[in-house]
Protein backbone atom coordinates (compact mmCIF):
# COMPACT_ATOMS: atom_id res chain seq x y z
CA MET A 1 0.00 0.00 0.00
CA ASN A 2 1.43 3.37 -1.01
CA THR A 3 0.29 6.39 0.95
CA ALA A 4 0.65 10.10 0.51
CA ALA A 5 -0.95 13.05 2.27
CA SER A 6 -4.12 12.88 0.17
CA LYS A 7 -3.91 9.55 -1.66
CA VAL A 8 -3.94 5.82 -0.91
CA GLU A 9 -3.23 3.22 -3.58
CA LEU A 10 -4.22 -0.41 -3.07
CA PRO A 11 -3.24 -3.04 -5.62
CA ILE A 12 -6.08 -5.17 -6.97
CA ALA A 13 -5.12 -8.43 -8.64
CA ILE A 14 -7.56 -10.20 -10.93
CA THR A 15 -7.54 -13.28 -13.12
CA GLU A 16 -7.48 -12.54 -16.86
CA GLN A 17 -11.09 -12.20 -17.99
CA GLY A 18 -10.54 -12.49 -21.74
CA SER A 19 -10.61 -8.85 -22.88
CA ASP A 20 -9.56 -5.42 -21.69
CA ALA A 21 -13.19 -4.40 -21.16
CA LEU A 22 -13.91 -7.47 -19.03
CA ASN A 23 -10.69 -6.93 -17.08
CA GLU A 24 -11.69 -3.31 -16.35
CA THR A 25 -15.16 -4.44 -15.29
CA LYS A 26 -13.65 -6.97 -12.88
CA VAL A 27 -11.29 -4.36 -11.42
CA LEU A 28 -14.17 -1.93 -10.90
CA GLN A 29 -16.30 -4.65 -9.27
CA SER A 30 -13.42 -5.56 -6.96
CA SER A 31 -12.81 -1.91 -6.13
CA LEU A 32 -16.49 -1.39 -5.29
CA ALA A 33 -16.52 -4.47 -3.06
CA LEU A 34 -13.44 -3.20 -1.21
CA ALA A 35 -15.01 0.25 -0.77
CA GLU A 36 -18.18 -1.34 0.62
CA GLU A 37 -16.14 -3.41 3.10
CA LEU A 38 -14.25 -0.31 4.21
CA GLU A 39 -17.53 1.58 4.63
CA GLY A 40 -18.92 -1.14 6.87
CA SER A 41 -15.76 -1.28 8.94
CA ILE A 42 -15.60 2.48 9.39
CA LYS A 43 -19.27 2.65 10.39
CA PHE A 44 -18.76 -0.15 12.91
CA HIS A 45 -15.77 1.59 14.51
CA LEU A 46 -17.52 4.96 14.61
CA GLU A 47 -20.62 3.47 16.24
CA ALA A 48 -18.46 1.70 18.81
CA GLN A 49 -16.99 5.06 19.85
CA LEU A 50 -20.41 6.56 20.68
């Protein structure tokens, strides 16, 4: 994970899907799933602090 003051980069590895468009779709789906997991985790930790 690379971090900077305003940016975080997380590598996402996928299995070849057969075309560039399908590869991009898979990366976007994986990115969305990761974002949803982070959202749930952040909400859980914030609620625990109340």
